[in-house]
N, C-alpha and C. Protein backbone atom coordinates (compact mmCIF):
# COMPACT_ATOMS: atom_id res chain seq x y z
N UNK A 1 0.88 -1.24 0.01
CA UNK A 1 0.05 0.01 -0.01
C UNK A 1 0.90 1.29 -0.02
N UNK A 2 0.51 2.22 -0.81
CA UNK A 2 1.29 3.45 -0.95
C UNK A 2 0.91 4.41 0.24
N UNK A 3 1.95 5.21 0.62
CA UNK A 3 1.59 6.27 1.58
C UNK A 3 0.96 7.43 0.93
N UNK A 4 0.34 8.33 1.74
CA UNK A 4 -0.30 9.52 1.15
C UNK A 4 0.62 10.33 0.28
N UNK A 5 1.79 10.51 0.72
CA UNK A 5 2.82 11.23 -0.06
C UNK A 5 3.06 10.54 -1.38
N UNK A 6 3.21 9.28 -1.46
CA UNK A 6 3.44 8.54 -2.68
C UNK A 6 2.25 8.68 -3.60
N UNK A 7 1.08 8.59 -3.08
CA UNK A 7 -0.12 8.73 -3.94
C UNK A 7 -0.22 10.16 -4.52
N UNK A 8 0.11 11.21 -3.70
CA UNK A 8 0.03 12.54 -4.25
C UNK A 8 1.11 12.76 -5.32
N UNK A 9 2.32 12.26 -5.04
CA UNK A 9 3.38 12.34 -6.09
C UNK A 9 3.01 11.69 -7.37
N UNK A 10 2.55 10.45 -7.28
CA UNK A 10 2.14 9.78 -8.47
C UNK A 10 1.07 10.41 -9.25
N UNK A 11 0.04 10.87 -8.43
CA UNK A 11 -1.11 11.63 -8.96
C UNK A 11 -0.65 12.80 -9.75
N UNK A 12 0.24 13.63 -9.20
CA UNK A 12 0.71 14.82 -9.95
C UNK A 12 1.57 14.32 -11.12
N UNK A 13 2.23 13.27 -11.07
CA UNK A 13 3.02 12.83 -12.24
C UNK A 13 2.04 12.43 -13.41
N UNK A 14 0.96 11.74 -13.05
CA UNK A 14 0.03 11.35 -14.08
C UNK A 14 -0.66 12.66 -14.68
N UNK A 15 -1.12 13.50 -13.79
CA UNK A 15 -1.78 14.67 -14.28
C UNK A 15 -0.75 15.55 -15.18
N UNK A 16 0.44 15.75 -14.75
CA UNK A 16 1.42 16.47 -15.56
C UNK A 16 1.66 15.70 -16.90
N UNK A 17 1.72 14.40 -16.96
CA UNK A 17 1.96 13.68 -18.08
C UNK A 17 0.84 13.89 -19.16
N UNK A 18 -0.39 13.91 -18.68
CA UNK A 18 -1.48 13.96 -19.59
C UNK A 18 -2.01 15.40 -19.88
N UNK A 19 -1.88 16.28 -18.92
CA UNK A 19 -2.36 17.64 -19.01
C UNK A 19 -1.20 18.63 -19.25
N UNK A 20 -0.03 18.32 -18.87
CA UNK A 20 1.09 19.29 -18.89
C UNK A 20 1.16 19.90 -17.50
N UNK A 21 2.34 20.42 -17.17
CA UNK A 21 2.53 20.95 -15.82
C UNK A 21 1.60 22.07 -15.48
N UNK A 22 1.34 23.06 -16.43
CA UNK A 22 0.53 24.13 -16.03
C UNK A 22 -0.94 23.74 -15.77
N UNK A 23 -1.45 22.99 -16.69
CA UNK A 23 -2.92 22.50 -16.65
C UNK A 23 -3.00 21.60 -15.35
N UNK A 24 -2.09 20.77 -15.11
CA UNK A 24 -2.15 19.87 -13.92
C UNK A 24 -2.25 20.72 -12.64
N UNK A 25 -1.44 21.78 -12.50
CA UNK A 25 -1.54 22.69 -11.39
C UNK A 25 -2.95 23.37 -11.33
N UNK A 26 -3.34 23.74 -12.47
CA UNK A 26 -4.69 24.43 -12.57
C UNK A 26 -5.75 23.47 -12.07
N UNK A 27 -5.70 22.19 -12.53
CA UNK A 27 -6.70 21.17 -12.10
C UNK A 27 -6.74 21.05 -10.62
N UNK A 28 -5.61 20.92 -10.05
CA UNK A 28 -5.44 20.73 -8.49
C UNK A 28 -6.06 22.01 -7.88
N UNK A 29 -5.73 23.18 -8.34
CA UNK A 29 -6.21 24.46 -7.77
C UNK A 29 -7.71 24.49 -7.93
N UNK A 30 -8.29 24.07 -8.99
CA UNK A 30 -9.69 24.14 -9.22
C UNK A 30 -10.51 23.18 -8.24
N UNK A 31 -9.89 21.96 -8.08
CA UNK A 31 -10.44 20.99 -7.16
C UNK A 31 -10.45 21.49 -5.77
N UNK A 32 -9.36 22.12 -5.35
CA UNK A 32 -9.27 22.69 -3.97
C UNK A 32 -10.14 23.81 -3.72
N UNK A 33 -10.36 24.71 -4.76
CA UNK A 33 -10.99 25.95 -4.61
C UNK A 33 -12.50 25.82 -4.75
N UNK A 34 -12.97 24.90 -5.48
CA UNK A 34 -14.35 24.76 -5.84
C UNK A 34 -15.10 23.69 -4.93
N UNK A 35 -16.39 23.94 -4.72
CA UNK A 35 -17.13 22.88 -4.06
C UNK A 35 -17.24 21.79 -5.08
N UNK A 36 -16.76 20.56 -4.81
CA UNK A 36 -16.60 19.63 -5.87
C UNK A 36 -16.88 18.20 -5.25
N UNK A 37 -17.78 17.55 -5.89
CA UNK A 37 -18.12 16.09 -5.28
C UNK A 37 -17.34 15.14 -6.30
N UNK A 38 -16.17 14.74 -5.98
CA UNK A 38 -15.39 13.90 -6.80
C UNK A 38 -16.11 12.53 -7.00
N UNK A 39 -16.73 11.98 -5.99
CA UNK A 39 -17.46 10.76 -6.21
C UNK A 39 -18.53 10.86 -7.27
N UNK A 40 -19.33 11.91 -7.20
CA UNK A 40 -20.40 12.01 -8.24
C UNK A 40 -19.74 12.18 -9.68
N UNK A 41 -18.76 13.04 -9.76
CA UNK A 41 -18.01 13.26 -11.03
C UNK A 41 -17.47 11.95 -11.58
N UNK A 42 -16.80 11.22 -10.75
CA UNK A 42 -16.19 9.99 -11.08
C UNK A 42 -17.26 9.00 -11.60
N UNK A 43 -18.38 8.83 -10.86
CA UNK A 43 -19.41 8.01 -11.27
C UNK A 43 -20.03 8.30 -12.70
N UNK A 44 -20.00 9.50 -13.01
CA UNK A 44 -20.54 9.98 -14.29
C UNK A 44 -19.51 9.88 -15.41
N UNK A 45 -18.30 9.65 -15.12
CA UNK A 45 -17.19 9.64 -16.06
C UNK A 45 -17.08 8.23 -16.77
N UNK A 46 -16.99 8.22 -17.99
CA UNK A 46 -16.95 6.94 -18.85
C UNK A 46 -15.34 6.67 -19.04
N UNK A 47 -14.98 5.43 -18.72
CA UNK A 47 -13.61 5.10 -18.70
C UNK A 47 -13.00 5.18 -20.21
N UNK A 48 -13.81 5.14 -21.16
CA UNK A 48 -13.40 5.20 -22.55
C UNK A 48 -13.15 6.65 -23.12
N UNK A 49 -13.35 7.66 -22.24
CA UNK A 49 -13.19 8.96 -22.71
C UNK A 49 -11.79 9.41 -22.74
N UNK A 50 -11.47 10.33 -23.59
CA UNK A 50 -10.04 10.91 -23.75
C UNK A 50 -9.86 11.77 -22.48
N UNK A 51 -8.66 12.08 -22.22
CA UNK A 51 -8.27 12.98 -21.11
C UNK A 51 -8.86 14.29 -21.36
N UNK A 52 -8.97 14.84 -22.66
CA UNK A 52 -9.58 16.09 -22.99
C UNK A 52 -11.07 16.10 -22.68
N UNK A 53 -11.79 14.99 -23.03
CA UNK A 53 -13.17 14.97 -22.78
C UNK A 53 -13.41 14.85 -21.19
N UNK A 54 -12.57 14.13 -20.52
CA UNK A 54 -12.70 14.09 -19.05
C UNK A 54 -12.57 15.48 -18.50
N UNK A 55 -11.59 16.19 -18.97
CA UNK A 55 -11.28 17.63 -18.47
C UNK A 55 -12.53 18.45 -18.73
N UNK A 56 -13.08 18.40 -19.95
CA UNK A 56 -14.33 19.28 -20.22
C UNK A 56 -15.45 18.86 -19.45
N UNK A 57 -15.64 17.57 -19.12
CA UNK A 57 -16.75 17.20 -18.26
C UNK A 57 -16.54 17.60 -16.83
N UNK A 58 -15.25 17.60 -16.34
CA UNK A 58 -15.01 18.07 -15.00
C UNK A 58 -15.26 19.60 -14.92
N UNK A 59 -14.92 20.32 -15.90
CA UNK A 59 -15.21 21.75 -15.93
C UNK A 59 -16.65 22.04 -16.01
N UNK A 60 -17.45 21.23 -16.72
CA UNK A 60 -18.89 21.31 -16.72
C UNK A 60 -19.51 21.13 -15.43
N UNK A 61 -18.98 20.06 -14.72
CA UNK A 61 -19.47 19.64 -13.48
C UNK A 61 -19.20 20.86 -12.40
N UNK A 62 -17.97 21.43 -12.54
CA UNK A 62 -17.62 22.48 -11.61
C UNK A 62 -18.57 23.69 -11.81
N UNK A 63 -18.93 24.02 -13.15
CA UNK A 63 -19.89 25.12 -13.43
C UNK A 63 -21.24 24.70 -12.83
N UNK A 64 -21.71 23.50 -12.98
CA UNK A 64 -22.97 23.08 -12.39
C UNK A 64 -23.00 23.27 -10.92
N UNK A 65 -21.97 22.91 -10.26
CA UNK A 65 -21.88 23.05 -8.82
C UNK A 65 -21.81 24.51 -8.34
N UNK A 66 -21.09 25.31 -9.12
CA UNK A 66 -20.92 26.74 -8.75
C UNK A 66 -22.17 27.52 -8.88
N UNK A 67 -23.12 27.12 -9.73
CA UNK A 67 -24.33 27.84 -9.92
C UNK A 67 -25.51 27.45 -9.00
């Protein structure tokens, strides 16, 4: 089992790999700043989607929660 630090490190590596450094940092900032239900978002996400489509859906969910 990984430690919390290992999970955070690997998570950031994956985000940076698929989104780039700037967008990965922005994603983390958005998650921390906004009221966000990760469980609901994840349940609605289709595993066959591209990272770009996942990102668009996450942004749409954020807008939905913000309003």
